[in-house]
């Protein structure tokens, strides 16, 4: 072995391998303290169980895993470089130096492997704990918030629909009074659409009942069971109010559907067309017909009283007088 080769191996160890090894040893010592605390706290959280803490500490372990893996990889590369250097020397002094640093790195590697194995074991424990234990309290709180928001939205919508239904009812009354069959039909159809809006009162009640079952209050702490009881009563009042409003909407729609155009005042028709009173009976029968037939019947009456007028002109005159 040449002196140059000996110096190169010595320099490799002192200037590159050993400083890198010392850095890794320092990182391992600092990391093991942090890792030990995480695993200790995680074990306690699993035993409780405290699902939120298990999730938090699992994330902390996940963050440590690549760091340990990186140290292992760096240590392995240093050992490979030492093996390469060892194959190039047979000098006792070189071998002693190589053996010392190799022992140092091998011990570090074992520690890091132990750290990594322990970390993986605790990751597995955490995974199993999370699979077996659900965070019932957190899930319940979230479910309550979501369902309450949904119920209140349904209540708000129901109130708006009732206001709209009341407006439609006024439109229907006006259409009936004006004998505007088209407008009355439109109002009836609009009311039916509002009445049939989903979800129905029954669907809302069914959804609420399912929500109460899904919460599984028996799995909650006593405090949360008491809170659930209060919230259930509060939510039921909202459901009852929605049901009451939907019933009011239904009632208004029934009233609209019973509306009909006002009967034509035969006496006013006679007065407008100047038809003698002896024709009152015929005029009354005529205005009970549909508009086209009524126009023809009145045309015959007008011809009979010697004041001929076409059915079209008769209807036009009566419409202008707001009688048909």
C-alpha atoms as a PDB file:
ATOM      1  CA  UNK A   1       0.000   0.000   0.000  1.00  0.00           C
ATOM      2  CA  UNK A   2       1.484   3.327  -0.983  1.00  0.00           C
ATOM      3  CA  UNK A   3       1.752   6.218   1.436  1.00  0.00           C
ATOM      4  CA  UNK A   4      -0.549   8.222  -0.826  1.00  0.00           C
ATOM      5  CA  UNK A   5      -3.248   5.566  -0.543  1.00  0.00           C
ATOM      6  CA  UNK A   6      -2.867   5.432   3.220  1.00  0.00           C
ATOM      7  CA  UNK A   7      -3.168   9.190   3.521  1.00  0.00           C
ATOM      8  CA  UNK A   8      -6.214   9.188   1.249  1.00  0.00           C
ATOM      9  CA  UNK A   9      -8.016   6.602   3.411  1.00  0.00           C
ATOM     10  CA  UNK A  10      -7.117   8.486   6.556  1.00  0.00           C
ATOM     11  CA  UNK A  11      -8.319  11.736   5.021  1.00  0.00           C
ATOM     12  CA  UNK A  12     -11.514  10.076   3.832  1.00  0.00           C
ATOM     13  CA  UNK A  13     -12.314   8.964   7.370  1.00  0.00           C
ATOM     14  CA  UNK A  14     -11.273  12.117   9.192  1.00  0.00           C
ATOM     15  CA  UNK A  15     -12.511  14.683   6.703  1.00  0.00           C
ATOM     16  CA  UNK A  16     -15.639  13.037   5.308  1.00  0.00           C
ATOM     17  CA  UNK A  17     -16.853   9.850   6.968  1.00  0.00           C
ATOM     18  CA  UNK A  18     -16.330  10.741  10.636  1.00  0.00           C
ATOM     19  CA  UNK A  19     -17.841  14.283  10.449  1.00  0.00           C
ATOM     20  CA  UNK A  20     -20.865  12.887   8.622  1.00  0.00           C
ATOM     21  CA  UNK A  21     -21.154  10.087  11.195  1.00  0.00           C
ATOM     22  CA  UNK A  22     -20.978  12.562  14.079  1.00  0.00           C
ATOM     23  CA  UNK A  23     -23.718  14.625  12.469  1.00  0.00           C
ATOM     24  CA  UNK A  24     -25.911  11.554  12.125  1.00  0.00           C
ATOM     25  CA  UNK A  25     -25.255  10.482  15.723  1.00  0.00           C
ATOM     26  CA  UNK A  26     -26.226  13.944  16.931  1.00  0.00           C
ATOM     27  CA  UNK A  27     -29.413  13.878  14.844  1.00  0.00           C
ATOM     28  CA  UNK A  28     -30.251  10.415  16.164  1.00  0.00           C
ATOM     29  CA  UNK A  29     -29.848  11.486  19.792  1.00  0.00           C
ATOM     30  CA  UNK A  30     -31.984  14.563  19.295  1.00  0.00           C
ATOM     31  CA  UNK A  31     -34.570  12.619  17.316  1.00  0.00           C
ATOM     32  CA  UNK A  32     -34.899   9.749  19.778  1.00  0.00           C
ATOM     33  CA  UNK A  33     -35.926  12.093  22.566  1.00  0.00           C
ATOM     34  CA  UNK A  34     -38.682  13.577  20.448  1.00  0.00           C
ATOM     35  CA  UNK A  35     -39.709  10.165  19.116  1.00  0.00           C
ATOM     36  CA  UNK A  36     -39.855   8.641  22.601  1.00  0.00           C
ATOM     37  CA  UNK A  37     -42.170  11.378  23.845  1.00  0.00           C
ATOM     38  CA  UNK A  38     -44.475  11.025  20.835  1.00  0.00           C
ATOM     39  CA  UNK A  39     -44.704   7.253  21.311  1.00  0.00           C
ATOM     40  CA  UNK A  40     -45.288   7.596  25.066  1.00  0.00           C
ATOM     41  CA  UNK A  41     -48.077  10.144  24.566  1.00  0.00           C
ATOM     42  CA  UNK A  42     -49.537   8.084  21.730  1.00  0.00           C
ATOM     43  CA  UNK A  43     -49.684   5.008  23.930  1.00  0.00           C
ATOM     44  CA  UNK A  44     -51.591   6.952  26.574  1.00  0.00           C
ATOM     45  CA  UNK A  45     -53.963   8.385  23.957  1.00  0.00           C
ATOM     46  CA  UNK A  46     -54.668   4.899  22.586  1.00  0.00           C
ATOM     47  CA  UNK A  47     -55.365   3.537  26.082  1.00  0.00           C
ATOM     48  CA  UNK A  48     -57.925   6.238  26.944  1.00  0.00           C
ATOM     49  CA  UNK A  49     -58.924   6.287  24.028  1.00  0.00           C
ATOM     50  CA  UNK A  50     -58.536   9.909  22.905  1.00  0.00           C
ATOM     51  CA  UNK A  51     -59.133   9.734  19.179  1.00  0.00           C
ATOM     52  CA  UNK A  52     -58.315  13.350  18.445  1.00  0.00           C
ATOM     53  CA  UNK A  53     -54.948  13.016  20.198  1.00  0.00           C
ATOM     54  CA  UNK A  54     -54.270   9.702  18.458  1.00  0.00           C
ATOM     55  CA  UNK A  55     -54.831  11.403  15.106  1.00  0.00           C
ATOM     56  CA  UNK A  56     -52.593  14.314  16.062  1.00  0.00           C
ATOM     57  CA  UNK A  57     -49.744  12.119  17.315  1.00  0.00           C
ATOM     58  CA  UNK A  58     -50.069   9.820  14.308  1.00  0.00           C
ATOM     59  CA  UNK A  59     -49.382  12.809  12.097  1.00  0.00           C
ATOM     60  CA  UNK A  60     -46.349  13.607  14.251  1.00  0.00           C
ATOM     61  CA  UNK A  61     -45.088  10.040  13.748  1.00  0.00           C
ATOM     62  CA  UNK A  62     -45.705  10.335  10.024  1.00  0.00           C
ATOM     63  CA  UNK A  63     -43.473  13.410  10.004  1.00  0.00           C
ATOM     64  CA  UNK A  64     -40.688  11.587  11.870  1.00  0.00           C
ATOM     65  CA  UNK A  65     -40.721   8.515   9.639  1.00  0.00           C
ATOM     66  CA  UNK A  66     -39.012  10.041   6.571  1.00  0.00           C
ATOM     67  CA  UNK A  67     -36.404  11.705   8.812  1.00  0.00           C
ATOM     68  CA  UNK A  68     -35.336   8.397  10.335  1.00  0.00           C
ATOM     69  CA  UNK A  69     -35.439   6.730   6.929  1.00  0.00           C
ATOM     70  CA  UNK A  70     -33.166   9.461   5.596  1.00  0.00           C
ATOM     71  CA  UNK A  71     -30.658   8.942   8.443  1.00  0.00           C
ATOM     72  CA  UNK A  72     -30.653   5.219   7.783  1.00  0.00           C
ATOM     73  CA  UNK A  73     -29.993   5.790   4.114  1.00  0.00           C
ATOM     74  CA  UNK A  74     -27.140   8.213   4.815  1.00  0.00           C
ATOM     75  CA  UNK A  75     -25.617   5.777   7.333  1.00  0.00           C
ATOM     76  CA  UNK A  76     -25.808   2.931   4.818  1.00  0.00           C
ATOM     77  CA  UNK A  77     -24.044   5.021   2.195  1.00  0.00           C
ATOM     78  CA  UNK A  78     -21.235   5.826   4.644  1.00  0.00           C
ATOM     79  CA  UNK A  79     -20.808   2.132   5.437  1.00  0.00           C
ATOM     80  CA  UNK A  80     -20.665   1.341   1.735  1.00  0.00           C
ATOM     81  CA  UNK A  81     -17.888   3.894   1.265  1.00  0.00           C
ATOM     82  CA  UNK A  82     -15.994   2.301   4.162  1.00  0.00           C
ATOM     83  CA  UNK A  83     -16.342  -1.137   2.611  1.00  0.00           C
ATOM     84  CA  UNK A  84     -14.932   0.194  -0.620  1.00  0.00           C
ATOM     85  CA  UNK A  85     -12.023   1.792   1.262  1.00  0.00           C
ATOM     86  CA  UNK A  86     -11.383  -1.396   3.250  1.00  0.00           C
ATOM     87  CA  UNK A  87     -11.029  -3.424   0.065  1.00  0.00           C
ATOM     88  CA  UNK A  88      -8.202  -1.132  -0.982  1.00  0.00           C
ATOM     89  CA  UNK A  89      -5.964  -1.602   2.092  1.00  0.00           C
ATOM     90  CA  UNK A  90      -4.252  -4.346   4.033  1.00  0.00           C
ATOM     91  CA  UNK A  91      -2.285  -2.180   6.432  1.00  0.00           C
ATOM     92  CA  UNK A  92      -3.039  -2.820  10.096  1.00  0.00           C
ATOM     93  CA  UNK A  93      -3.138   0.843  10.979  1.00  0.00           C
ATOM     94  CA  UNK A  94      -5.667   1.499   8.235  1.00  0.00           C
ATOM     95  CA  UNK A  95      -7.750  -1.472   9.292  1.00  0.00           C
ATOM     96  CA  UNK A  96      -7.869  -0.327  12.885  1.00  0.00           C
ATOM     97  CA  UNK A  97      -9.056   3.104  11.850  1.00  0.00           C
ATOM     98  CA  UNK A  98     -11.584   1.587   9.495  1.00  0.00           C
ATOM     99  CA  UNK A  99     -12.850  -0.822  12.133  1.00  0.00           C
ATOM    100  CA  UNK A 100     -13.375   1.955  14.668  1.00  0.00           C
ATOM    101  CA  UNK A 101     -15.466   4.089  12.369  1.00  0.00           C
ATOM    102  CA  UNK A 102     -17.265   1.034  11.001  1.00  0.00           C
ATOM    103  CA  UNK A 103     -18.201  -0.053  14.520  1.00  0.00           C
ATOM    104  CA  UNK A 104     -19.411   3.451  15.249  1.00  0.00           C
ATOM    105  CA  UNK A 105     -21.587   3.540  12.158  1.00  0.00           C
ATOM    106  CA  UNK A 106     -22.845  -0.026  12.618  1.00  0.00           C
ATOM    107  CA  UNK A 107     -24.025   0.797  16.126  1.00  0.00           C
ATOM    108  CA  UNK A 108     -25.713   3.922  14.780  1.00  0.00           C
ATOM    109  CA  UNK A 109     -27.373   1.876  12.076  1.00  0.00           C
ATOM    110  CA  UNK A 110     -28.760  -0.590  14.645  1.00  0.00           C
ATOM    111  CA  UNK A 111     -30.146   2.252  16.738  1.00  0.00           C
ATOM    112  CA  UNK A 112     -31.772   3.877  13.726  1.00  0.00           C
ATOM    113  CA  UNK A 113     -33.230   0.550  12.633  1.00  0.00           C
ATOM    114  CA  UNK A 114     -34.609   0.114  16.144  1.00  0.00           C
ATOM    115  CA  UNK A 115     -36.058   3.630  16.061  1.00  0.00           C
ATOM    116  CA  UNK A 116     -37.637   2.986  12.685  1.00  0.00           C
ATOM    117  CA  UNK A 117     -39.082  -0.370  13.742  1.00  0.00           C
ATOM    118  CA  UNK A 118     -40.562   1.125  16.927  1.00  0.00           C
ATOM    119  CA  UNK A 119     -42.022   4.010  14.945  1.00  0.00           C
ATOM    120  CA  UNK A 120     -43.688   1.612  12.497  1.00  0.00           C
ATOM    121  CA  UNK A 121     -45.105  -0.449  15.357  1.00  0.00           C
ATOM    122  CA  UNK A 122     -46.685   2.615  16.915  1.00  0.00           C
ATOM    123  CA  UNK A 123     -47.985   3.761  13.555  1.00  0.00           C
ATOM    124  CA  UNK A 124     -49.659   0.377  13.228  1.00  0.00           C
ATOM    125  CA  UNK A 125     -51.093   0.627  16.767  1.00  0.00           C
ATOM    126  CA  UNK A 126     -52.476   4.067  15.999  1.00  0.00           C
ATOM    127  CA  UNK A 127     -54.002   2.870  12.734  1.00  0.00           C
ATOM    128  CA  UNK A 128     -55.727  -0.030  14.471  1.00  0.00           C
ATOM    129  CA  UNK A 129     -56.961   2.210  17.293  1.00  0.00           C
ATOM    130  CA  UNK A 130     -58.449   4.670  14.834  1.00  0.00           C
ATOM    131  CA  UNK A 131     -60.110   1.816  12.948  1.00  0.00           C
ATOM    132  CA  UNK A 132     -61.626   0.388  16.135  1.00  0.00           C
ATOM    133  CA  UNK A 133     -62.618   3.582  17.897  1.00  0.00           C
ATOM    134  CA  UNK A 134     -64.530   6.401  16.194  1.00  0.00           C
ATOM    135  CA  UNK A 135     -64.591   9.864  17.606  1.00  0.00           C
ATOM    136  CA  UNK A 136     -68.255   9.634  18.588  1.00  0.00           C
ATOM    137  CA  UNK A 137     -68.378  12.934  20.410  1.00  0.00           C
ATOM    138  CA  UNK A 138     -66.845  14.917  17.565  1.00  0.00           C
ATOM    139  CA  UNK A 139     -69.041  13.149  15.023  1.00  0.00           C
ATOM    140  CA  UNK A 140     -72.137  13.855  17.096  1.00  0.00           C
ATOM    141  CA  UNK A 141     -71.309  17.550  17.470  1.00  0.00           C
ATOM    142  CA  UNK A 142     -70.719  17.877  13.747  1.00  0.00           C
ATOM    143  CA  UNK A 143     -73.913  15.994  12.917  1.00  0.00           C
ATOM    144  CA  UNK A 144     -75.935  18.207  15.258  1.00  0.00           C
ATOM    145  CA  UNK A 145     -74.571  21.382  13.709  1.00  0.00           C
ATOM    146  CA  UNK A 146     -75.241  20.182  10.168  1.00  0.00           C
ATOM    147  CA  UNK A 147     -78.764  18.969  10.954  1.00  0.00           C
ATOM    148  CA  UNK A 148     -79.719  22.100  12.863  1.00  0.00           C
ATOM    149  CA  UNK A 149     -78.535  24.267   9.956  1.00  0.00           C
ATOM    150  CA  UNK A 150     -80.557  22.124   7.546  1.00  0.00           C
ATOM    151  CA  UNK A 151     -83.703  22.289   9.670  1.00  0.00           C
ATOM    152  CA  UNK A 152     -83.458  26.042  10.093  1.00  0.00           C
ATOM    153  CA  UNK A 153     -83.024  26.420   6.339  1.00  0.00           C
ATOM    154  CA  UNK A 154     -86.142  24.325   5.755  1.00  0.00           C
ATOM    155  CA  UNK A 155     -88.038  26.494   8.242  1.00  0.00           C
ATOM    156  CA  UNK A 156     -86.892  29.651   6.479  1.00  0.00           C
ATOM    157  CA  UNK A 157     -87.956  28.254   3.107  1.00  0.00           C
ATOM    158  CA  UNK A 158     -91.323  27.135   4.479  1.00  0.00           C
ATOM    159  CA  UNK A 159     -92.050  30.648   5.785  1.00  0.00           C
ATOM    160  CA  UNK A 160     -91.157  32.152   2.421  1.00  0.00           C
ATOM    161  CA  UNK A 161     -93.407  29.657   0.627  1.00  0.00           C
ATOM    162  CA  UNK A 162     -96.308  30.534   2.912  1.00  0.00           C
ATOM    163  CA  UNK A 163     -95.855  34.224   2.073  1.00  0.00           C
ATOM    164  CA  UNK A 164     -95.758  33.355  -1.625  1.00  0.00           C
ATOM    165  CA  UNK A 165     -98.855  31.179  -1.241  1.00  0.00           C
ATOM    166  CA  UNK A 166    -100.735  34.041   0.389  1.00  0.00           C
ATOM    167  CA  UNK A 167     -99.834  36.291  -2.560  1.00  0.00           C
ATOM    168  CA  UNK A 168    -100.981  33.613  -4.991  1.00  0.00           C
ATOM    169  CA  UNK A 169    -104.252  33.339  -3.062  1.00  0.00           C
ATOM    170  CA  UNK A 170    -104.859  37.073  -3.544  1.00  0.00           C
ATOM    171  CA  UNK A 171    -104.109  36.714  -7.245  1.00  0.00           C
ATOM    172  CA  UNK A 172    -106.573  33.812  -7.460  1.00  0.00           C
ATOM    173  CA  UNK A 173    -109.276  35.814  -5.685  1.00  0.00           C
ATOM    174  CA  UNK A 174    -108.757  38.708  -8.079  1.00  0.00           C
ATOM    175  CA  UNK A 175    -108.851  36.373 -11.095  1.00  0.00           C
ATOM    176  CA  UNK A 176    -112.073  34.761  -9.861  1.00  0.00           C
ATOM    177  CA  UNK A 177    -113.686  38.125  -9.241  1.00  0.00           C
ATOM    178  CA  UNK A 178    -112.710  39.246 -12.745  1.00  0.00           C
ATOM    179  CA  UNK A 179    -113.893  35.955 -14.227  1.00  0.00           C
ATOM    180  CA  UNK A 180    -110.390  35.457 -15.629  1.00  0.00           C
ATOM    181  CA  UNK A 181    -110.270  31.695 -15.939  1.00  0.00           C
ATOM    182  CA  UNK A 182    -106.731  31.679 -17.390  1.00  0.00           C
ATOM    183  CA  UNK A 183    -105.310  33.706 -14.516  1.00  0.00           C
ATOM    184  CA  UNK A 184    -107.181  31.560 -12.005  1.00  0.00           C
ATOM    185  CA  UNK A 185    -105.728  28.385 -13.522  1.00  0.00           C
ATOM    186  CA  UNK A 186    -102.234  29.888 -13.442  1.00  0.00           C
ATOM    187  CA  UNK A 187    -102.646  30.784  -9.776  1.00  0.00           C
ATOM    188  CA  UNK A 188    -103.929  27.286  -9.011  1.00  0.00           C
ATOM    189  CA  UNK A 189    -100.941  25.694 -10.757  1.00  0.00           C
ATOM    190  CA  UNK A 190     -98.449  27.970  -8.966  1.00  0.00           C
ATOM    191  CA  UNK A 191    -100.017  27.135  -5.629  1.00  0.00           C
ATOM    192  CA  UNK A 192     -99.865  23.405  -6.358  1.00  0.00           C
ATOM    193  CA  UNK A 193     -96.164  23.685  -7.226  1.00  0.00           C
ATOM    194  CA  UNK A 194     -95.446  25.445  -3.922  1.00  0.00           C
ATOM    195  CA  UNK A 195     -97.512  22.933  -1.974  1.00  0.00           C
ATOM    196  CA  UNK A 196     -95.672  19.990  -3.550  1.00  0.00           C
ATOM    197  CA  UNK A 197     -92.147  21.378  -3.009  1.00  0.00           C
ATOM    198  CA  UNK A 198     -89.716  18.787  -1.630  1.00  0.00           C
ATOM    199  CA  UNK A 199     -88.884  17.786   1.006  1.00  0.00           C
ATOM    200  CA  UNK A 200     -92.393  17.288   2.310  1.00  0.00           C
ATOM    201  CA  UNK A 201     -93.283  17.647   5.979  1.00  0.00           C
ATOM    202  CA  UNK A 202     -93.233  13.845   6.324  1.00  0.00           C
ATOM    203  CA  UNK A 203     -89.815  13.617   4.664  1.00  0.00           C
ATOM    204  CA  UNK A 204     -88.461  16.251   7.043  1.00  0.00           C
ATOM    205  CA  UNK A 205     -89.846  14.369  10.047  1.00  0.00           C
ATOM    206  CA  UNK A 206     -88.420  11.077   8.743  1.00  0.00           C
ATOM    207  CA  UNK A 207     -85.006  12.691   8.193  1.00  0.00           C
ATOM    208  CA  UNK A 208     -85.082  14.079  11.727  1.00  0.00           C
ATOM    209  CA  UNK A 209     -86.012  10.691  13.182  1.00  0.00           C
ATOM    210  CA  UNK A 210     -83.178   9.004  11.276  1.00  0.00           C
ATOM    211  CA  UNK A 211     -80.771  11.677  12.511  1.00  0.00           C
ATOM    212  CA  UNK A 212     -81.762  10.947  16.124  1.00  0.00           C
ATOM    213  CA  UNK A 213     -81.169   7.217  15.580  1.00  0.00           C
ATOM    214  CA  UNK A 214     -77.818   7.736  13.848  1.00  0.00           C
ATOM    215  CA  UNK A 215     -76.429   9.822  16.723  1.00  0.00           C
ATOM    216  CA  UNK A 216     -76.476   6.775  19.057  1.00  0.00           C
ATOM    217  CA  UNK A 217     -76.794   8.856  22.245  1.00  0.00           C
ATOM    218  CA  UNK A 218     -76.173   5.769  24.377  1.00  0.00           C
ATOM    219  CA  UNK A 219     -72.533   5.920  23.267  1.00  0.00           C
ATOM    220  CA  UNK A 220     -72.085   9.505  24.450  1.00  0.00           C
ATOM    221  CA  UNK A 221     -70.957  10.830  27.805  1.00  0.00           C
ATOM    222  CA  UNK A 222     -73.705  11.797  30.234  1.00  0.00           C
ATOM    223  CA  UNK A 223     -73.118  15.487  29.578  1.00  0.00           C
ATOM    224  CA  UNK A 224     -73.526  14.959  25.861  1.00  0.00           C
ATOM    225  CA  UNK A 225     -76.588  12.785  26.382  1.00  0.00           C
ATOM    226  CA  UNK A 226     -78.174  15.626  28.355  1.00  0.00           C
ATOM    227  CA  UNK A 227     -77.176  18.081  25.631  1.00  0.00           C
ATOM    228  CA  UNK A 228     -78.621  15.802  22.971  1.00  0.00           C
ATOM    229  CA  UNK A 229     -81.907  15.590  24.861  1.00  0.00           C
ATOM    230  CA  UNK A 230     -82.144  19.398  24.957  1.00  0.00           C
ATOM    231  CA  UNK A 231     -81.187  19.706  21.306  1.00  0.00           C
ATOM    232  CA  UNK A 232     -83.660  17.016  20.284  1.00  0.00           C
ATOM    233  CA  UNK A 233     -86.482  18.948  21.947  1.00  0.00           C
ATOM    234  CA  UNK A 234     -85.320  22.142  20.243  1.00  0.00           C
ATOM    235  CA  UNK A 235     -85.078  20.456  16.850  1.00  0.00           C
ATOM    236  CA  UNK A 236     -88.500  18.827  17.275  1.00  0.00           C
ATOM    237  CA  UNK A 237     -90.051  22.270  17.779  1.00  0.00           C
ATOM    238  CA  UNK A 238     -88.514  23.383  14.482  1.00  0.00           C
ATOM    239  CA  UNK A 239     -89.895  20.279  12.748  1.00  0.00           C
ATOM    240  CA  UNK A 240     -93.323  20.902  14.286  1.00  0.00           C
ATOM    241  CA  UNK A 241     -93.286  24.519  13.118  1.00  0.00           C
ATOM    242  CA  UNK A 242     -92.367  23.436   9.589  1.00  0.00           C
ATOM    243  CA  UNK A 243     -95.192  20.874   9.654  1.00  0.00           C
ATOM    244  CA  UNK A 244     -97.648  23.552  10.808  1.00  0.00           C
ATOM    245  CA  UNK A 245     -96.586  25.931   8.041  1.00  0.00           C
ATOM    246  CA  UNK A 246     -96.868  23.190   5.420  1.00  0.00           C
ATOM    247  CA  UNK A 247    -100.396  22.494   6.688  1.00  0.00           C
ATOM    248  CA  UNK A 248    -101.250  26.186   6.276  1.00  0.00           C
ATOM    249  CA  UNK A 249     -99.910  26.114   2.721  1.00  0.00           C
ATOM    250  CA  UNK A 250    -102.027  23.036   2.002  1.00  0.00           C
ATOM    251  CA  UNK A 251    -105.113  24.746   3.404  1.00  0.00           C
ATOM    252  CA  UNK A 252    -104.596  27.861   1.274  1.00  0.00           C
ATOM    253  CA  UNK A 253    -104.143  25.702  -1.828  1.00  0.00           C
ATOM    254  CA  UNK A 254    -107.385  23.869  -1.082  1.00  0.00           C
ATOM    255  CA  UNK A 255    -109.156  27.230  -0.883  1.00  0.00           C
ATOM    256  CA  UNK A 256    -107.657  28.301  -4.208  1.00  0.00           C
ATOM    257  CA  UNK A 257    -108.752  25.065  -5.875  1.00  0.00           C
ATOM    258  CA  UNK A 258    -112.313  25.677  -4.696  1.00  0.00           C
ATOM    259  CA  UNK A 259    -112.394  29.150  -6.235  1.00  0.00           C
ATOM    260  CA  UNK A 260    -114.393  29.686  -9.389  1.00  0.00           C
ATOM    261  CA  UNK A 261    -115.039  32.627 -11.606  1.00  0.00           C
ATOM    262  CA  UNK A 262    -117.905  34.762 -10.307  1.00  0.00           C
ATOM    263  CA  UNK A 263    -121.263  34.159 -12.017  1.00  0.00           C
ATOM    264  CA  UNK A 264    -122.240  36.675 -14.645  1.00  0.00           C
ATOM    265  CA  UNK A 265    -124.869  39.140 -13.400  1.00  0.00           C
ATOM    266  CA  UNK A 266    -127.696  38.561 -15.908  1.00  0.00           C
ATOM    267  CA  UNK A 267    -129.538  41.705 -14.874  1.00  0.00           C
ATOM    268  CA  UNK A 268    -126.477  43.868 -15.583  1.00  0.00           C
ATOM    269  CA  UNK A 269    -126.078  42.086 -18.913  1.00  0.00           C
ATOM    270  CA  UNK A 270    -129.703  42.905 -19.765  1.00  0.00           C
ATOM    271  CA  UNK A 271    -129.218  46.519 -18.724  1.00  0.00           C
ATOM    272  CA  UNK A 272    -126.008  46.870 -20.747  1.00  0.00           C
ATOM    273  CA  UNK A 273    -127.604  45.391 -23.886  1.00  0.00           C
ATOM    274  CA  UNK A 274    -130.941  47.113 -23.201  1.00  0.00           C
ATOM    275  CA  UNK A 275    -132.870  43.828 -23.237  1.00  0.00           C
ATOM    276  CA  UNK A 276    -136.443  44.076 -21.860  1.00  0.00           C
ATOM    277  CA  UNK A 277    -137.181  42.422 -18.521  1.00  0.00           C
ATOM    278  CA  UNK A 278    -139.455  39.832 -20.086  1.00  0.00           C
ATOM    279  CA  UNK A 279    -136.285  38.216 -21.465  1.00  0.00           C
ATOM    280  CA  UNK A 280    -134.648  37.921 -18.025  1.00  0.00           C
ATOM    281  CA  UNK A 281    -135.109  34.155 -17.955  1.00  0.00           C
ATOM    282  CA  UNK A 282    -133.510  33.662 -21.361  1.00  0.00           C
ATOM    283  CA  UNK A 283    -130.652  36.046 -20.511  1.00  0.00           C
ATOM    284  CA  UNK A 284    -129.997  34.175 -17.252  1.00  0.00           C
ATOM    285  CA  UNK A 285    -129.785  30.854 -19.084  1.00  0.00           C
ATOM    286  CA  UNK A 286    -127.559  32.380 -21.778  1.00  0.00           C
ATOM    287  CA  UNK A 287    -124.945  33.762 -19.358  1.00  0.00           C
ATOM    288  CA  UNK A 288    -124.658  30.383 -17.643  1.00  0.00           C
ATOM    289  CA  UNK A 289    -123.166  28.980 -20.854  1.00  0.00           C
ATOM    290  CA  UNK A 290    -119.528  29.252 -21.883  1.00  0.00           C
ATOM    291  CA  UNK A 291    -118.516  32.520 -23.498  1.00  0.00           C
ATOM    292  CA  UNK A 292    -118.940  31.422 -27.124  1.00  0.00           C
ATOM    293  CA  UNK A 293    -122.305  29.767 -26.550  1.00  0.00           C
ATOM    294  CA  UNK A 294    -123.453  32.710 -24.428  1.00  0.00           C
ATOM    295  CA  UNK A 295    -122.567  35.104 -27.251  1.00  0.00           C
ATOM    296  CA  UNK A 296    -124.677  33.122 -29.730  1.00  0.00           C
ATOM    297  CA  UNK A 297    -127.632  32.868 -27.335  1.00  0.00           C
ATOM    298  CA  UNK A 298    -127.562  36.609 -26.656  1.00  0.00           C
ATOM    299  CA  UNK A 299    -127.244  37.267 -30.393  1.00  0.00           C
ATOM    300  CA  UNK A 300    -130.538  35.419 -30.895  1.00  0.00           C
ATOM    301  CA  UNK A 301    -132.189  37.454 -28.127  1.00  0.00           C
ATOM    302  CA  UNK A 302    -130.952  40.712 -29.659  1.00  0.00           C
ATOM    303  CA  UNK A 303    -132.309  39.651 -33.026  1.00  0.00           C
ATOM    304  CA  UNK A 304    -135.621  38.821 -31.389  1.00  0.00           C
ATOM    305  CA  UNK A 305    -135.927  42.309 -29.884  1.00  0.00           C
ATOM    306  CA  UNK A 306    -135.159  43.893 -33.236  1.00  0.00           C
ATOM    307  CA  UNK A 307    -131.723  45.280 -32.199  1.00  0.00           C
ATOM    308  CA  UNK A 308    -129.453  42.851 -34.007  1.00  0.00           C
ATOM    309  CA  UNK A 309    -125.829  42.593 -32.834  1.00  0.00           C
ATOM    310  CA  UNK A 310    -123.212  39.949 -33.626  1.00  0.00           C
ATOM    311  CA  UNK A 311    -122.084  37.560 -30.918  1.00  0.00           C
ATOM    312  CA  UNK A 312    -118.574  39.000 -31.229  1.00  0.00           C
ATOM    313  CA  UNK A 313    -119.790  42.561 -30.654  1.00  0.00           C
ATOM    314  CA  UNK A 314    -121.990  41.440 -27.756  1.00  0.00           C
ATOM    315  CA  UNK A 315    -119.089  39.726 -25.970  1.00  0.00           C
ATOM    316  CA  UNK A 316    -116.839  42.717 -26.682  1.00  0.00           C
ATOM    317  CA  UNK A 317    -119.368  45.088 -25.160  1.00  0.00           C
ATOM    318  CA  UNK A 318    -119.835  42.915 -22.095  1.00  0.00           C
ATOM    319  CA  UNK A 319    -116.059  42.542 -21.635  1.00  0.00           C
ATOM    320  CA  UNK A 320    -115.670  46.282 -21.838  1.00  0.00           C
ATOM    321  CA  UNK A 321    -118.298  46.569 -19.116  1.00  0.00           C
ATOM    322  CA  UNK A 322    -116.318  43.959 -17.129  1.00  0.00           C
ATOM    323  CA  UNK A 323    -119.304  41.621 -17.049  1.00  0.00           C
ATOM    324  CA  UNK A 324    -117.725  38.552 -18.682  1.00  0.00           C
END
